[in-house]
């Protein structure tokens, strides 16, 4: 379980947590809410996250070395995230029994 402190307006927090509700893998438990100031719209919210993946998926990526050799990696629980600036983040677990 992960614990997280988020801060912002009620509208921002609602949109933020709505994104997690669309993914079945995340279960969000609000722990406590604190107003920053009496007249402020900003809220601090402590939440707990449970990450419950439905299934473990394999992901195969291929990379080419400078010499032209193709390297294949089979990743368990692979996730690919593409960012707006054109960068790609690849995460996963690699088990090499011969390494």
C-alpha atoms as a PDB file:
ATOM      1  CA  UNK A   1       0.000   0.000   0.000  1.00  0.00           C
ATOM      2  CA  UNK A   2       1.225   3.480  -0.866  1.00  0.00           C
ATOM      3  CA  UNK A   3       0.405   6.587   1.158  1.00  0.00           C
ATOM      4  CA  UNK A   4       0.271   9.911  -0.625  1.00  0.00           C
ATOM      5  CA  UNK A   5      -0.267  13.544   0.354  1.00  0.00           C
ATOM      6  CA  UNK A   6      -1.802  15.691  -2.378  1.00  0.00           C
ATOM      7  CA  UNK A   7      -2.548  19.374  -2.181  1.00  0.00           C
ATOM      8  CA  UNK A   8      -4.666  21.621  -4.369  1.00  0.00           C
ATOM      9  CA  UNK A   9      -8.140  22.953  -4.919  1.00  0.00           C
ATOM     10  CA  UNK A  10     -11.126  20.659  -4.523  1.00  0.00           C
ATOM     11  CA  UNK A  11     -11.706  20.760  -8.284  1.00  0.00           C
ATOM     12  CA  UNK A  12      -8.097  19.771  -9.056  1.00  0.00           C
ATOM     13  CA  UNK A  13      -8.187  16.932  -6.535  1.00  0.00           C
ATOM     14  CA  UNK A  14     -11.495  15.637  -7.890  1.00  0.00           C
ATOM     15  CA  UNK A  15     -10.112  15.497 -11.440  1.00  0.00           C
ATOM     16  CA  UNK A  16      -6.880  13.898 -10.214  1.00  0.00           C
ATOM     17  CA  UNK A  17      -8.641  11.070  -8.374  1.00  0.00           C
ATOM     18  CA  UNK A  18     -11.181  10.590 -11.151  1.00  0.00           C
ATOM     19  CA  UNK A  19      -8.290   9.392 -13.315  1.00  0.00           C
ATOM     20  CA  UNK A  20      -7.515   6.645 -10.796  1.00  0.00           C
ATOM     21  CA  UNK A  21     -11.139   5.527 -10.625  1.00  0.00           C
ATOM     22  CA  UNK A  22     -11.063   4.777 -14.357  1.00  0.00           C
ATOM     23  CA  UNK A  23      -8.294   2.209 -13.809  1.00  0.00           C
ATOM     24  CA  UNK A  24      -9.364  -0.995 -12.060  1.00  0.00           C
ATOM     25  CA  UNK A  25      -5.814  -1.610 -10.850  1.00  0.00           C
ATOM     26  CA  UNK A  26      -5.946   1.261  -8.347  1.00  0.00           C
ATOM     27  CA  UNK A  27      -8.058   1.295  -5.204  1.00  0.00           C
ATOM     28  CA  UNK A  28      -7.997   4.702  -3.496  1.00  0.00           C
ATOM     29  CA  UNK A  29      -8.819   5.155   0.196  1.00  0.00           C
ATOM     30  CA  UNK A  30      -9.041   8.781   1.456  1.00  0.00           C
ATOM     31  CA  UNK A  31      -7.523   8.944   4.960  1.00  0.00           C
ATOM     32  CA  UNK A  32      -7.924  12.558   6.082  1.00  0.00           C
ATOM     33  CA  UNK A  33      -8.625  16.039   4.741  1.00  0.00           C
ATOM     34  CA  UNK A  34      -7.066  19.259   6.049  1.00  0.00           C
ATOM     35  CA  UNK A  35      -7.909  22.794   4.956  1.00  0.00           C
ATOM     36  CA  UNK A  36      -4.793  24.956   4.664  1.00  0.00           C
ATOM     37  CA  UNK A  37      -6.481  28.163   5.818  1.00  0.00           C
ATOM     38  CA  UNK A  38     -10.049  29.042   6.751  1.00  0.00           C
ATOM     39  CA  UNK A  39     -10.702  31.150   3.636  1.00  0.00           C
ATOM     40  CA  UNK A  40      -8.520  29.115   1.283  1.00  0.00           C
ATOM     41  CA  UNK A  41      -9.693  26.749  -1.430  1.00  0.00           C
ATOM     42  CA  UNK A  42      -6.552  24.656  -1.033  1.00  0.00           C
ATOM     43  CA  UNK A  43      -6.921  21.292   0.630  1.00  0.00           C
ATOM     44  CA  UNK A  44      -4.388  18.714   1.788  1.00  0.00           C
ATOM     45  CA  UNK A  45      -5.642  15.172   1.338  1.00  0.00           C
ATOM     46  CA  UNK A  46      -3.926  12.079   2.678  1.00  0.00           C
ATOM     47  CA  UNK A  47      -4.815   8.952   0.716  1.00  0.00           C
ATOM     48  CA  UNK A  48      -3.790   5.306   0.575  1.00  0.00           C
ATOM     49  CA  UNK A  49      -3.387   3.521  -2.758  1.00  0.00           C
ATOM     50  CA  UNK A  50      -3.609  -0.211  -3.326  1.00  0.00           C
ATOM     51  CA  UNK A  51      -2.191  -1.402  -6.629  1.00  0.00           C
ATOM     52  CA  UNK A  52      -3.963  -4.602  -7.673  1.00  0.00           C
ATOM     53  CA  UNK A  53      -2.965  -5.616 -11.204  1.00  0.00           C
ATOM     54  CA  UNK A  54      -5.442  -7.971 -12.835  1.00  0.00           C
ATOM     55  CA  UNK A  55      -2.811 -10.013 -14.603  1.00  0.00           C
ATOM     56  CA  UNK A  56       0.888  -9.950 -15.260  1.00  0.00           C
ATOM     57  CA  UNK A  57       1.644  -9.114 -18.860  1.00  0.00           C
ATOM     58  CA  UNK A  58       4.809  -9.745 -20.802  1.00  0.00           C
ATOM     59  CA  UNK A  59       6.283  -7.015 -22.945  1.00  0.00           C
ATOM     60  CA  UNK A  60       9.006  -7.586 -25.536  1.00  0.00           C
ATOM     61  CA  UNK A  61      11.152  -4.653 -26.587  1.00  0.00           C
ATOM     62  CA  UNK A  62      13.859  -4.592 -29.235  1.00  0.00           C
ATOM     63  CA  UNK A  63      16.819  -2.241 -29.302  1.00  0.00           C
ATOM     64  CA  UNK A  64      19.531  -1.863 -31.917  1.00  0.00           C
ATOM     65  CA  UNK A  65      23.131  -1.293 -30.845  1.00  0.00           C
ATOM     66  CA  UNK A  66      25.476   1.088 -32.660  1.00  0.00           C
ATOM     67  CA  UNK A  67      26.917  -1.925 -34.495  1.00  0.00           C
ATOM     68  CA  UNK A  68      23.476  -2.984 -35.745  1.00  0.00           C
ATOM     69  CA  UNK A  69      22.948  -5.930 -33.409  1.00  0.00           C
ATOM     70  CA  UNK A  70      19.352  -6.344 -32.281  1.00  0.00           C
ATOM     71  CA  UNK A  71      18.880  -6.961 -28.547  1.00  0.00           C
ATOM     72  CA  UNK A  72      15.549  -8.418 -27.411  1.00  0.00           C
ATOM     73  CA  UNK A  73      14.309  -8.003 -23.841  1.00  0.00           C
ATOM     74  CA  UNK A  74      11.277  -9.842 -22.482  1.00  0.00           C
ATOM     75  CA  UNK A  75       9.920  -7.816 -19.573  1.00  0.00           C
ATOM     76  CA  UNK A  76       7.405  -9.078 -17.042  1.00  0.00           C
ATOM     77  CA  UNK A  77       4.804  -6.518 -15.890  1.00  0.00           C
ATOM     78  CA  UNK A  78       5.923  -4.199 -18.677  1.00  0.00           C
ATOM     79  CA  UNK A  79       4.490  -0.702 -18.873  1.00  0.00           C
ATOM     80  CA  UNK A  80       5.117   1.835 -21.631  1.00  0.00           C
ATOM     81  CA  UNK A  81       4.357   5.513 -20.958  1.00  0.00           C
ATOM     82  CA  UNK A  82       4.656   8.139 -23.674  1.00  0.00           C
ATOM     83  CA  UNK A  83       5.062  11.766 -22.604  1.00  0.00           C
ATOM     84  CA  UNK A  84       3.994  14.910 -24.477  1.00  0.00           C
ATOM     85  CA  UNK A  85       7.608  15.962 -25.040  1.00  0.00           C
ATOM     86  CA  UNK A  86       8.230  12.867 -27.192  1.00  0.00           C
ATOM     87  CA  UNK A  87      10.007  10.838 -24.507  1.00  0.00           C
ATOM     88  CA  UNK A  88       9.026   7.251 -23.771  1.00  0.00           C
ATOM     89  CA  UNK A  89       9.408   5.554 -20.387  1.00  0.00           C
ATOM     90  CA  UNK A  90       9.567   1.732 -20.347  1.00  0.00           C
ATOM     91  CA  UNK A  91       9.416  -0.185 -17.074  1.00  0.00           C
ATOM     92  CA  UNK A  92       9.363  -3.887 -16.319  1.00  0.00           C
ATOM     93  CA  UNK A  93      11.165  -6.781 -14.671  1.00  0.00           C
ATOM     94  CA  UNK A  94      13.801  -8.844 -16.420  1.00  0.00           C
ATOM     95  CA  UNK A  95      14.787 -12.257 -15.112  1.00  0.00           C
ATOM     96  CA  UNK A  96      18.002 -13.607 -16.621  1.00  0.00           C
ATOM     97  CA  UNK A  97      18.697 -17.064 -15.211  1.00  0.00           C
ATOM     98  CA  UNK A  98      22.039 -17.188 -17.050  1.00  0.00           C
ATOM     99  CA  UNK A  99      23.269 -13.746 -15.900  1.00  0.00           C
END
